[in-house]
Amino acid sequence: MPNQISSAVRDIVMIGSGPAALSAALYTAREDVDTLLVEKGMIGGLAATTDWIDNYPGFRSGIAGSALADEMRAQAERFGAKFDLTEVTGIADEGEHKRIATMSGDILARVVLIATGSDHKKLDIDGEDEYFARGVHYCATCDGAFYRDKSLVVIGGGNSAVQEALFLTRFASHIDLLVRSELKASDVLIHELEKMSDKITVHRQTEPVAIVGDGTKIIKVVAKMGPENQMVDYRPDGIFIFIGLKPNTAFLTKSVIELDEIGLVRTNETFETSMPGVFAVGDVRSGATMQIASAVGEGATAALLMRKYLEAKLTSSFAGE
């Protein structure tokens, strides 16, 4: 079936539906601006898969990431924001509007907000892709419960790896935490990790080199350890990988939107990209702080700036008639 192109031009199309986009949608939809959010995965982004968020203002005891995402979505929908579950493959500038190519057809928009966030980095070792969802995972809240009273390997040494390892102690009988060099988590998390030494064993200077399975499930993780690269095997029931994030900007590779050296979207002081009428906020933006609270603030600010941009464009169009 050929690509279907809607003849209607939306006021604002937001690509992504994490906290930044949901915040922006709340503001634009509340002002009766036609607002559509396009999402290829889970509404709420990585925040929705985070077990517990302790540093978001207004929740003194913290809040589950899924609950926060659900509330933000419901609030945006209450004011009229719409959602379309499909994958964006590109953006083209056609002057008065932008053409957003998706797997379901093209969408035309006067203004675009890129808020696609970031995704989990991979180790890029043998067996990682082959055994994804068959023993290899990137989301503890999604898959941790499958490993009740089982042994696990968690890979990574930063805040996310330690935080998720601590969460997985709710289910696992024991966890081996493999750290390529030294722990880089915050002092608070390291202190919590030390208190769980009976359930979590930390292996420093240990780098996984392969994941081996029997064709249906994993058998072991092969790693090199120490300055002499001694080869060691770990035989867990499951593997969770938390080694950082990468920006979700692959769909921009053929566009004229400028990216930085690691693929984040460059913006000016008003969050506008190198393509006029296209803005970017949140974890996908170069210079972002990678915090939910700041992403929400950027979304609200960008909403006001996009409305101003849209009003100027509409005024210009009427003047030219």
C-alpha atoms as a PDB file:
ATOM      1  CA  MET A   1       0.000   0.000   0.000  1.00  0.00           C
ATOM      2  CA  PRO A   2       1.470   3.413  -0.902  1.00  0.00           C
ATOM      3  CA  ASN A   3       2.123   6.000   1.767  1.00  0.00           C
ATOM      4  CA  GLN A   4      -1.043   7.835   2.728  1.00  0.00           C
ATOM      5  CA  ILE A   5      -0.677  11.601   3.079  1.00  0.00           C
ATOM      6  CA  SER A   6      -3.199  13.569   5.088  1.00  0.00           C
ATOM      7  CA  SER A   7      -4.199  16.832   3.435  1.00  0.00           C
ATOM      8  CA  ALA A   8      -4.801  18.439   6.836  1.00  0.00           C
ATOM      9  CA  VAL A   9      -1.961  20.536   8.237  1.00  0.00           C
ATOM     10  CA  ARG A  10      -1.574  20.195  11.999  1.00  0.00           C
ATOM     11  CA  ASP A  11      -0.548  23.242  14.023  1.00  0.00           C
ATOM     12  CA  ILE A  12       2.063  21.418  16.108  1.00  0.00           C
ATOM     13  CA  VAL A  13       3.352  17.867  15.815  1.00  0.00           C
ATOM     14  CA  MET A  14       5.550  16.577  18.620  1.00  0.00           C
ATOM     15  CA  ILE A  15       7.805  13.622  17.900  1.00  0.00           C
ATOM     16  CA  GLY A  16       8.143  11.609  21.101  1.00  0.00           C
ATOM     17  CA  SER A  17       6.001  11.489  24.221  1.00  0.00           C
ATOM     18  CA  GLY A  18       8.331  11.669  27.199  1.00  0.00           C
ATOM     19  CA  PRO A  19       8.025  14.241  30.001  1.00  0.00           C
ATOM     20  CA  ALA A  20       9.315  17.089  27.783  1.00  0.00           C
ATOM     21  CA  ALA A  21       6.744  16.478  25.045  1.00  0.00           C
ATOM     22  CA  LEU A  22       3.900  15.808  27.486  1.00  0.00           C
ATOM     23  CA  SER A  23       4.657  19.060  29.294  1.00  0.00           C
ATOM     24  CA  ALA A  24       4.739  20.985  26.017  1.00  0.00           C
ATOM     25  CA  ALA A  25       1.499  19.325  24.870  1.00  0.00           C
ATOM     26  CA  LEU A  26      -0.244  20.322  28.075  1.00  0.00           C
ATOM     27  CA  TYR A  27       0.584  23.977  27.436  1.00  0.00           C
ATOM     28  CA  THR A  28      -0.223  24.057  23.721  1.00  0.00           C
ATOM     29  CA  ALA A  29      -3.419  22.008  23.923  1.00  0.00           C
ATOM     30  CA  ARG A  30      -4.651  24.104  26.858  1.00  0.00           C
ATOM     31  CA  GLU A  31      -4.398  27.152  24.574  1.00  0.00           C
ATOM     32  CA  ASP A  32      -6.519  25.367  21.935  1.00  0.00           C
ATOM     33  CA  VAL A  33      -3.528  24.813  19.644  1.00  0.00           C
ATOM     34  CA  ASP A  34      -4.035  21.677  17.531  1.00  0.00           C
ATOM     35  CA  THR A  35      -1.467  19.303  19.055  1.00  0.00           C
ATOM     36  CA  LEU A  36      -0.489  15.793  17.932  1.00  0.00           C
ATOM     37  CA  LEU A  37       2.160  13.616  19.609  1.00  0.00           C
ATOM     38  CA  VAL A  38       3.714  10.839  17.522  1.00  0.00           C
ATOM     39  CA  GLU A  39       5.288   7.987  19.485  1.00  0.00           C
ATOM     40  CA  LYS A  40       6.829   4.727  18.277  1.00  0.00           C
ATOM     41  CA  GLY A  41       7.106   3.036  21.663  1.00  0.00           C
ATOM     42  CA  MET A  42       5.871   3.676  25.191  1.00  0.00           C
ATOM     43  CA  ILE A  43       4.131   6.928  26.069  1.00  0.00           C
ATOM     44  CA  GLY A  44       6.151   8.517  28.841  1.00  0.00           C
ATOM     45  CA  GLY A  45       9.553   7.556  27.403  1.00  0.00           C
ATOM     46  CA  LEU A  46      12.273   6.210  29.678  1.00  0.00           C
ATOM     47  CA  ALA A  47      10.594   7.892  32.632  1.00  0.00           C
ATOM     48  CA  ALA A  48       7.709   5.427  32.272  1.00  0.00           C
ATOM     49  CA  THR A  49      10.108   2.486  32.681  1.00  0.00           C
ATOM     50  CA  THR A  50      11.878   3.945  35.714  1.00  0.00           C
ATOM     51  CA  ASP A  51      10.941   2.107  38.882  1.00  0.00           C
ATOM     52  CA  TRP A  52      10.905   5.034  41.305  1.00  0.00           C
ATOM     53  CA  ILE A  53      11.553   8.753  40.833  1.00  0.00           C
ATOM     54  CA  ASP A  54      12.728  10.487  44.000  1.00  0.00           C
ATOM     55  CA  ASN A  55      13.826  13.874  42.680  1.00  0.00           C
ATOM     56  CA  TYR A  56      10.739  15.188  40.895  1.00  0.00           C
ATOM     57  CA  PRO A  57       9.253  18.209  42.720  1.00  0.00           C
ATOM     58  CA  GLY A  58       5.927  17.803  44.458  1.00  0.00           C
ATOM     59  CA  PHE A  59       6.261  14.163  45.505  1.00  0.00           C
ATOM     60  CA  ARG A  60       8.044  14.121  48.849  1.00  0.00           C
ATOM     61  CA  SER A  61       7.970  10.310  49.043  1.00  0.00           C
ATOM     62  CA  GLY A  62       8.742   9.855  45.352  1.00  0.00           C
ATOM     63  CA  ILE A  63       6.528   8.436  42.599  1.00  0.00           C
ATOM     64  CA  ALA A  64       6.650   5.441  40.279  1.00  0.00           C
ATOM     65  CA  GLY A  65       7.805   6.422  36.793  1.00  0.00           C
ATOM     66  CA  SER A  66       4.817   4.718  35.179  1.00  0.00           C
ATOM     67  CA  ALA A  67       2.410   6.584  37.451  1.00  0.00           C
ATOM     68  CA  LEU A  68       4.001   9.955  36.670  1.00  0.00           C
ATOM     69  CA  ALA A  69       3.836   9.240  32.932  1.00  0.00           C
ATOM     70  CA  ASP A  70       0.187   8.179  33.170  1.00  0.00           C
ATOM     71  CA  GLU A  71      -0.769  11.359  35.036  1.00  0.00           C
ATOM     72  CA  MET A  72       1.084  13.580  32.554  1.00  0.00           C
ATOM     73  CA  ARG A  73      -0.566  11.862  29.588  1.00  0.00           C
ATOM     74  CA  ALA A  74      -4.036  12.127  31.123  1.00  0.00           C
ATOM     75  CA  GLN A  75      -3.521  15.810  31.859  1.00  0.00           C
ATOM     76  CA  ALA A  76      -2.440  16.555  28.276  1.00  0.00           C
ATOM     77  CA  GLU A  77      -5.377  14.543  26.897  1.00  0.00           C
ATOM     78  CA  ARG A  78      -7.801  16.423  29.145  1.00  0.00           C
ATOM     79  CA  PHE A  79      -6.940  19.603  27.245  1.00  0.00           C
ATOM     80  CA  GLY A  80      -7.238  17.967  23.819  1.00  0.00           C
ATOM     81  CA  ALA A  81      -3.784  16.618  22.911  1.00  0.00           C
ATOM     82  CA  LYS A  82      -3.941  13.654  20.520  1.00  0.00           C
ATOM     83  CA  PHE A  83      -1.583  10.675  20.169  1.00  0.00           C
ATOM     84  CA  ASP A  84      -0.552   8.636  17.128  1.00  0.00           C
ATOM     85  CA  LEU A  85       1.439   5.426  17.661  1.00  0.00           C
ATOM     86  CA  THR A  86       3.801   5.117  14.711  1.00  0.00           C
ATOM     87  CA  GLU A  87       7.487   5.596  13.889  1.00  0.00           C
ATOM     88  CA  VAL A  88       8.863   8.777  12.318  1.00  0.00           C
ATOM     89  CA  THR A  89      11.422   8.180   9.562  1.00  0.00           C
ATOM     90  CA  GLY A  90      12.261  11.736   8.492  1.00  0.00           C
ATOM     91  CA  ILE A  91      11.436  15.452   8.379  1.00  0.00           C
ATOM     92  CA  ALA A  92      11.473  17.684   5.303  1.00  0.00           C
ATOM     93  CA  ASP A  93      11.120  21.467   5.124  1.00  0.00           C
ATOM     94  CA  GLU A  94       8.466  22.534   2.619  1.00  0.00           C
ATOM     95  CA  GLY A  95       8.327  26.200   3.512  1.00  0.00           C
ATOM     96  CA  GLU A  96       4.997  26.957   5.153  1.00  0.00           C
ATOM     97  CA  HIS A  97       4.863  23.486   6.636  1.00  0.00           C
ATOM     98  CA  LYS A  98       7.081  20.498   7.473  1.00  0.00           C
ATOM     99  CA  ARG A  99       6.490  17.037   6.067  1.00  0.00           C
ATOM    100  CA  ILE A 100       6.955  14.338   8.690  1.00  0.00           C
ATOM    101  CA  ALA A 101       7.393  10.903   7.151  1.00  0.00           C
ATOM    102  CA  THR A 102       6.123   8.014   9.285  1.00  0.00           C
ATOM    103  CA  MET A 103       5.594   4.297   8.867  1.00  0.00           C
ATOM    104  CA  SER A 104       1.853   5.041   8.614  1.00  0.00           C
ATOM    105  CA  GLY A 105       2.068   7.889   6.113  1.00  0.00           C
ATOM    106  CA  ASP A 106       3.106  11.528   5.975  1.00  0.00           C
ATOM    107  CA  ILE A 107       1.942  14.209   8.393  1.00  0.00           C
ATOM    108  CA  LEU A 108       2.028  17.915   7.609  1.00  0.00           C
ATOM    109  CA  ALA A 109       2.718  20.408  10.407  1.00  0.00           C
ATOM    110  CA  ARG A 110       3.291  24.128  10.729  1.00  0.00           C
ATOM    111  CA  VAL A 111       5.589  23.604  13.718  1.00  0.00           C
ATOM    112  CA  VAL A 112       7.475  20.493  14.887  1.00  0.00           C
ATOM    113  CA  LEU A 113       8.900  19.617  18.291  1.00  0.00           C
ATOM    114  CA  ILE A 114      11.564  16.912  18.467  1.00  0.00           C
ATOM    115  CA  ALA A 115      11.426  15.290  21.900  1.00  0.00           C
ATOM    116  CA  THR A 116      12.501  11.734  21.143  1.00  0.00           C
ATOM    117  CA  GLY A 117      14.798  11.445  24.145  1.00  0.00           C
ATOM    118  CA  SER A 118      17.467   8.801  24.399  1.00  0.00           C
ATOM    119  CA  ASP A 119      17.603   5.010  24.456  1.00  0.00           C
ATOM    120  CA  HIS A 120      19.765   2.428  26.210  1.00  0.00           C
ATOM    121  CA  LYS A 121      23.261   1.880  24.825  1.00  0.00           C
ATOM    122  CA  LYS A 122      24.308  -1.628  23.878  1.00  0.00           C
ATOM    123  CA  LEU A 123      27.521  -3.495  24.592  1.00  0.00           C
ATOM    124  CA  ASP A 124      27.778  -4.594  20.937  1.00  0.00           C
ATOM    125  CA  ILE A 125      29.139  -8.007  21.861  1.00  0.00           C
ATOM    126  CA  ASP A 126      28.346 -11.471  20.480  1.00  0.00           C
ATOM    127  CA  GLY A 127      25.031 -12.830  21.700  1.00  0.00           C
ATOM    128  CA  GLU A 128      23.590  -9.524  22.918  1.00  0.00           C
ATOM    129  CA  ASP A 129      21.105  -9.051  20.083  1.00  0.00           C
ATOM    130  CA  GLU A 130      20.489 -12.779  19.637  1.00  0.00           C
ATOM    131  CA  TYR A 131      19.309 -13.226  23.213  1.00  0.00           C
ATOM    132  CA  PHE A 132      17.449  -9.946  23.651  1.00  0.00           C
ATOM    133  CA  ALA A 133      14.271 -10.690  25.666  1.00  0.00           C
ATOM    134  CA  ARG A 134      15.515 -14.267  26.043  1.00  0.00           C
ATOM    135  CA  GLY A 135      17.752 -13.522  28.989  1.00  0.00           C
ATOM    136  CA  VAL A 136      19.160 -10.121  27.962  1.00  0.00           C
ATOM    137  CA  HIS A 137      17.258  -7.050  29.157  1.00  0.00           C
ATOM    138  CA  TYR A 138      17.553  -3.258  29.448  1.00  0.00           C
ATOM    139  CA  CYS A 139      14.589  -2.495  31.738  1.00  0.00           C
ATOM    140  CA  ALA A 140      14.528  -3.775  35.314  1.00  0.00           C
ATOM    141  CA  THR A 141      10.988  -2.605  36.009  1.00  0.00           C
ATOM    142  CA  CYS A 142       9.748  -4.304  32.842  1.00  0.00           C
ATOM    143  CA  ASP A 143      11.441  -7.674  33.282  1.00  0.00           C
ATOM    144  CA  GLY A 144      12.828  -7.974  36.806  1.00  0.00           C
ATOM    145  CA  ALA A 145       9.824  -9.881  38.157  1.00  0.00           C
ATOM    146  CA  PHE A 146      10.600 -12.781  35.794  1.00  0.00           C
ATOM    147  CA  TYR A 147      13.681 -13.532  37.871  1.00  0.00           C
ATOM    148  CA  ARG A 148      12.240 -14.112  41.321  1.00  0.00           C
ATOM    149  CA  ASP A 149      14.707 -16.214  43.357  1.00  0.00           C
ATOM    150  CA  LYS A 150      17.061 -16.352  40.360  1.00  0.00           C
ATOM    151  CA  SER A 151      20.639 -15.160  39.887  1.00  0.00           C
ATOM    152  CA  LEU A 152      21.384 -12.133  37.732  1.00  0.00           C
ATOM    153  CA  VAL A 153      24.267 -10.260  36.149  1.00  0.00           C
ATOM    154  CA  VAL A 154      23.946  -6.473  35.962  1.00  0.00           C
ATOM    155  CA  ILE A 155      26.423  -4.678  33.687  1.00  0.00           C
ATOM    156  CA  GLY A 156      27.442  -1.062  34.275  1.00  0.00           C
ATOM    157  CA  GLY A 157      28.988   1.182  36.901  1.00  0.00           C
ATOM    158  CA  GLY A 158      27.026   4.430  36.775  1.00  0.00           C
ATOM    159  CA  ASN A 159      23.948   5.665  38.602  1.00  0.00           C
ATOM    160  CA  SER A 160      21.459   3.752  36.453  1.00  0.00           C
ATOM    161  CA  ALA A 161      23.283   0.419  36.826  1.00  0.00           C
ATOM    162  CA  VAL A 162      23.545   0.693  40.610  1.00  0.00           C
ATOM    163  CA  GLN A 163      19.989   1.970  40.981  1.00  0.00           C
ATOM    164  CA  GLU A 164      18.575  -0.852  38.863  1.00  0.00           C
ATOM    165  CA  ALA A 165      20.724  -3.461  40.629  1.00  0.00           C
ATOM    166  CA  LEU A 166      19.301  -2.284  43.949  1.00  0.00           C
ATOM    167  CA  PHE A 167      15.793  -2.543  42.526  1.00  0.00           C
ATOM    168  CA  LEU A 168      16.428  -6.069  41.237  1.00  0.00           C
ATOM    169  CA  THR A 169      17.279  -7.276  44.752  1.00  0.00           C
ATOM    170  CA  ARG A 170      13.493  -7.338  45.282  1.00  0.00           C
ATOM    171  CA  PHE A 171      13.401 -10.404  43.052  1.00  0.00           C
ATOM    172  CA  ALA A 172      16.845 -11.943  42.548  1.00  0.00           C
ATOM    173  CA  SER A 173      18.531 -14.283  44.998  1.00  0.00           C
ATOM    174  CA  HIS A 174      21.945 -12.840  44.054  1.00  0.00           C
ATOM    175  CA  ILE A 175      23.355 -10.249  41.658  1.00  0.00           C
ATOM    176  CA  ASP A 176      26.841  -9.971  40.181  1.00  0.00           C
ATOM    177  CA  LEU A 177      27.491  -6.340  39.194  1.00  0.00           C
ATOM    178  CA  LEU A 178      30.136  -6.175  36.448  1.00  0.00           C
ATOM    179  CA  VAL A 179      31.943  -2.826  36.290  1.00  0.00           C
ATOM    180  CA  ARG A 180      34.379  -2.184  33.444  1.00  0.00           C
ATOM    181  CA  SER A 181      36.643   0.083  35.525  1.00  0.00           C
ATOM    182  CA  GLU A 182      35.445   1.670  38.783  1.00  0.00           C
ATOM    183  CA  LEU A 183      32.034   2.633  40.114  1.00  0.00           C
ATOM    184  CA  LYS A 184      30.947   6.076  38.908  1.00  0.00           C
ATOM    185  CA  ALA A 185      27.637   6.215  40.750  1.00  0.00           C
ATOM    186  CA  SER A 186      26.823   8.901  43.309  1.00  0.00           C
ATOM    187  CA  ASP A 187      28.031   8.536  46.885  1.00  0.00           C
ATOM    188  CA  VAL A 188      24.443   8.033  48.049  1.00  0.00           C
ATOM    189  CA  LEU A 189      23.927   5.084  45.703  1.00  0.00           C
ATOM    190  CA  ILE A 190      27.320   3.556  46.504  1.00  0.00           C
ATOM    191  CA  HIS A 191      26.425   3.712  50.197  1.00  0.00           C
ATOM    192  CA  GLU A 192      23.139   1.911  49.456  1.00  0.00           C
ATOM    193  CA  LEU A 193      25.053  -0.636  47.395  1.00  0.00           C
ATOM    194  CA  GLU A 194      27.416  -1.344  50.283  1.00  0.00           C
ATOM    195  CA  LYS A 195      24.444  -2.070  52.525  1.00  0.00           C
ATOM    196  CA  MET A 196      23.336  -4.784  50.072  1.00  0.00           C
ATOM    197  CA  SER A 197      26.674  -6.623  49.956  1.00  0.00           C
ATOM    198  CA  ASP A 198      24.950  -9.862  50.977  1.00  0.00           C
ATOM    199  CA  LYS A 199      22.931  -9.810  47.740  1.00  0.00           C
ATOM    200  CA  ILE A 200      25.132  -7.835  45.330  1.00  0.00           C
ATOM    201  CA  THR A 201      28.753  -8.693  44.553  1.00  0.00           C
ATOM    202  CA  VAL A 202      30.678  -5.949  42.738  1.00  0.00           C
ATOM    203  CA  HIS A 203      33.322  -7.059  40.217  1.00  0.00           C
ATOM    204  CA  ARG A 204      35.511  -4.104  39.227  1.00  0.00           C
ATOM    205  CA  GLN A 205      37.742  -4.051  36.142  1.00  0.00           C
ATOM    206  CA  THR A 206      35.511  -6.674  34.575  1.00  0.00           C
ATOM    207  CA  GLU A 207      34.432  -6.242  30.962  1.00  0.00           C
ATOM    208  CA  PRO A 208      31.958  -8.604  29.230  1.00  0.00           C
ATOM    209  CA  VAL A 209      33.129  -9.839  25.833  1.00  0.00           C
ATOM    210  CA  ALA A 210      30.396 -12.315  24.850  1.00  0.00           C
ATOM    211  CA  ILE A 211      27.025 -13.728  25.824  1.00  0.00           C
ATOM    212  CA  VAL A 212      26.709 -17.441  25.149  1.00  0.00           C
ATOM    213  CA  GLY A 213      23.479 -19.405  24.893  1.00  0.00           C
ATOM    214  CA  ASP A 214      22.011 -22.646  23.648  1.00  0.00           C
ATOM    215  CA  GLY A 215      19.875 -21.075  20.932  1.00  0.00           C
ATOM    216  CA  THR A 216      16.857 -20.491  23.148  1.00  0.00           C
ATOM    217  CA  LYS A 217      18.247 -19.041  26.379  1.00  0.00           C
ATOM    218  CA  ILE A 218      21.491 -17.667  27.791  1.00  0.00           C
ATOM    219  CA  ILE A 219      24.048 -19.930  29.428  1.00  0.00           C
ATOM    220  CA  LYS A 220      26.825 -17.602  30.482  1.00  0.00           C
ATOM    221  CA  VAL A 221      28.531 -14.225  30.233  1.00  0.00           C
ATOM    222  CA  VAL A 222      32.200 -14.356  29.266  1.00  0.00           C
ATOM    223  CA  ALA A 223      34.243 -11.449  30.628  1.00  0.00           C
ATOM    224  CA  LYS A 224      37.856 -10.355  30.875  1.00  0.00           C
ATOM    225  CA  MET A 225      38.979  -9.324  34.332  1.00  0.00           C
ATOM    226  CA  GLY A 226      41.850  -7.285  35.729  1.00  0.00           C
ATOM    227  CA  PRO A 227      44.981  -5.870  34.085  1.00  0.00           C
ATOM    228  CA  GLU A 228      45.930  -9.299  32.740  1.00  0.00           C
ATOM    229  CA  ASN A 229      42.532  -9.765  31.052  1.00  0.00           C
ATOM    230  CA  GLN A 230      41.900 -13.071  32.749  1.00  0.00           C
ATOM    231  CA  MET A 231      38.855 -14.750  31.202  1.00  0.00           C
ATOM    232  CA  VAL A 232      36.023 -15.570  33.610  1.00  0.00           C
ATOM    233  CA  ASP A 233      32.523 -16.986  33.200  1.00  0.00           C
ATOM    234  CA  TYR A 234      29.331 -15.958  34.979  1.00  0.00           C
ATOM    235  CA  ARG A 235      26.289 -18.212  34.713  1.00  0.00           C
ATOM    236  CA  PRO A 236      23.226 -16.142  35.618  1.00  0.00           C
ATOM    237  CA  ASP A 237      19.595 -16.758  34.818  1.00  0.00           C
ATOM    238  CA  GLY A 238      19.320 -13.258  33.350  1.00  0.00           C
ATOM    239  CA  ILE A 239      21.424 -10.270  32.273  1.00  0.00           C
ATOM    240  CA  PHE A 240      20.503  -6.595  32.663  1.00  0.00           C
ATOM    241  CA  ILE A 241      22.593  -3.989  30.810  1.00  0.00           C
ATOM    242  CA  PHE A 242      22.780  -0.343  31.948  1.00  0.00           C
ATOM    243  CA  ILE A 243      25.759   1.410  30.358  1.00  0.00           C
ATOM    244  CA  GLY A 244      24.291   4.760  29.406  1.00  0.00           C
ATOM    245  CA  LEU A 245      22.053   6.331  26.809  1.00  0.00           C
ATOM    246  CA  LYS A 246      22.221   7.275  23.124  1.00  0.00           C
ATOM    247  CA  PRO A 247      20.057   9.927  21.430  1.00  0.00           C
ATOM    248  CA  ASN A 248      17.106   8.788  19.321  1.00  0.00           C
ATOM    249  CA  THR A 249      18.032  10.819  16.252  1.00  0.00           C
ATOM    250  CA  ALA A 250      18.596   8.173  13.574  1.00  0.00           C
ATOM    251  CA  PHE A 251      15.549   9.474  11.679  1.00  0.00           C
ATOM    252  CA  LEU A 252      17.324  12.828  11.256  1.00  0.00           C
ATOM    253  CA  THR A 253      20.410  11.513   9.454  1.00  0.00           C
ATOM    254  CA  LYS A 254      19.111  12.523   6.010  1.00  0.00           C
ATOM    255  CA  SER A 255      17.678  15.875   7.087  1.00  0.00           C
ATOM    256  CA  VAL A 256      19.367  19.271   7.324  1.00  0.00           C
ATOM    257  CA  ILE A 257      18.856  19.466  11.084  1.00  0.00           C
ATOM    258  CA  GLU A 258      22.223  19.965  12.729  1.00  0.00           C
ATOM    259  CA  LEU A 259      23.424  17.390  15.266  1.00  0.00           C
ATOM    260  CA  ASP A 260      26.418  17.519  17.599  1.00  0.00           C
ATOM    261  CA  GLU A 261      29.302  15.050  17.625  1.00  0.00           C
ATOM    262  CA  ILE A 262      27.345  12.380  19.520  1.00  0.00           C
ATOM    263  CA  GLY A 263      24.089  12.824  17.645  1.00  0.00           C
ATOM    264  CA  LEU A 264      22.200  15.209  19.929  1.00  0.00           C
ATOM    265  CA  VAL A 265      20.154  17.972  18.296  1.00  0.00           C
ATOM    266  CA  ARG A 266      21.730  21.426  18.365  1.00  0.00           C
ATOM    267  CA  THR A 267      19.389  24.299  19.250  1.00  0.00           C
ATOM    268  CA  ASN A 268      19.615  28.027  19.831  1.00  0.00           C
ATOM    269  CA  GLU A 269      18.526  29.875  22.982  1.00  0.00           C
ATOM    270  CA  THR A 270      14.855  29.516  21.988  1.00  0.00           C
ATOM    271  CA  PHE A 271      15.143  25.738  21.448  1.00  0.00           C
ATOM    272  CA  GLU A 272      14.868  26.137  17.655  1.00  0.00           C
ATOM    273  CA  THR A 273      16.943  23.820  15.486  1.00  0.00           C
ATOM    274  CA  SER A 274      18.755  24.629  12.251  1.00  0.00           C
ATOM    275  CA  MET A 275      15.471  23.949  10.389  1.00  0.00           C
ATOM    276  CA  PRO A 276      13.106  26.918  10.861  1.00  0.00           C
ATOM    277  CA  GLY A 277       9.954  25.955  12.693  1.00  0.00           C
ATOM    278  CA  VAL A 278      11.464  22.801  14.174  1.00  0.00           C
ATOM    279  CA  PHE A 279      12.271  22.866  17.902  1.00  0.00           C
ATOM    280  CA  ALA A 280      13.919  20.312  20.206  1.00  0.00           C
ATOM    281  CA  VAL A 281      13.757  19.745  23.959  1.00  0.00           C
ATOM    282  CA  GLY A 282      14.626  17.169  26.591  1.00  0.00           C
ATOM    283  CA  ASP A 283      17.260  14.447  26.544  1.00  0.00           C
ATOM    284  CA  VAL A 284      17.612  14.581  22.743  1.00  0.00           C
ATOM    285  CA  ARG A 285      18.836  18.188  22.856  1.00  0.00           C
ATOM    286  CA  SER A 286      22.540  19.019  22.951  1.00  0.00           C
ATOM    287  CA  GLY A 287      23.282  20.583  26.337  1.00  0.00           C
ATOM    288  CA  ALA A 288      20.336  19.014  28.154  1.00  0.00           C
ATOM    289  CA  THR A 289      20.834  18.024  31.802  1.00  0.00           C
ATOM    290  CA  MET A 290      19.134  14.619  31.387  1.00  0.00           C
ATOM    291  CA  GLN A 291      16.760  15.207  34.307  1.00  0.00           C
ATOM    292  CA  ILE A 292      12.970  14.837  34.239  1.00  0.00           C
ATOM    293  CA  ALA A 293      12.359  18.142  36.005  1.00  0.00           C
ATOM    294  CA  SER A 294      14.477  20.108  33.538  1.00  0.00           C
ATOM    295  CA  ALA A 295      12.918  18.276  30.573  1.00  0.00           C
ATOM    296  CA  VAL A 296       9.473  19.313  31.807  1.00  0.00           C
ATOM    297  CA  GLY A 297      10.679  22.913  32.151  1.00  0.00           C
ATOM    298  CA  GLU A 298      12.117  22.893  28.633  1.00  0.00           C
ATOM    299  CA  GLY A 299       8.851  21.500  27.287  1.00  0.00           C
ATOM    300  CA  ALA A 300       6.788  24.250  28.928  1.00  0.00           C
ATOM    301  CA  THR A 301       9.150  26.969  27.716  1.00  0.00           C
ATOM    302  CA  ALA A 302       9.268  25.571  24.173  1.00  0.00           C
ATOM    303  CA  ALA A 303       5.460  25.439  24.094  1.00  0.00           C
ATOM    304  CA  LEU A 304       5.244  29.176  24.725  1.00  0.00           C
ATOM    305  CA  LEU A 305       7.939  29.869  22.134  1.00  0.00           C
ATOM    306  CA  MET A 306       6.306  27.617  19.524  1.00  0.00           C
ATOM    307  CA  ARG A 307       2.944  29.304  20.030  1.00  0.00           C
ATOM    308  CA  LYS A 308       4.632  32.669  19.528  1.00  0.00           C
ATOM    309  CA  TYR A 309       6.331  31.364  16.366  1.00  0.00           C
ATOM    310  CA  LEU A 310       3.030  29.956  15.099  1.00  0.00           C
ATOM    311  CA  GLU A 311       1.150  33.198  15.751  1.00  0.00           C
ATOM    312  CA  ALA A 312       3.823  35.176  13.880  1.00  0.00           C
ATOM    313  CA  LYS A 313       3.569  32.812  10.907  1.00  0.00           C
ATOM    314  CA  LEU A 314      -0.205  33.005  10.796  1.00  0.00           C
ATOM    315  CA  THR A 315      -0.134  36.807  11.084  1.00  0.00           C
ATOM    316  CA  SER A 316       2.391  36.949   8.222  1.00  0.00           C
ATOM    317  CA  SER A 317       0.193  34.701   6.084  1.00  0.00           C
ATOM    318  CA  PHE A 318      -2.890  36.835   6.648  1.00  0.00           C
ATOM    319  CA  ALA A 319      -0.946  40.017   5.854  1.00  0.00           C
ATOM    320  CA  GLY A 320       0.179  38.537   2.565  1.00  0.00           C
ATOM    321  CA  GLU A 321      -3.334  37.709   1.381  1.00  0.00           C
END
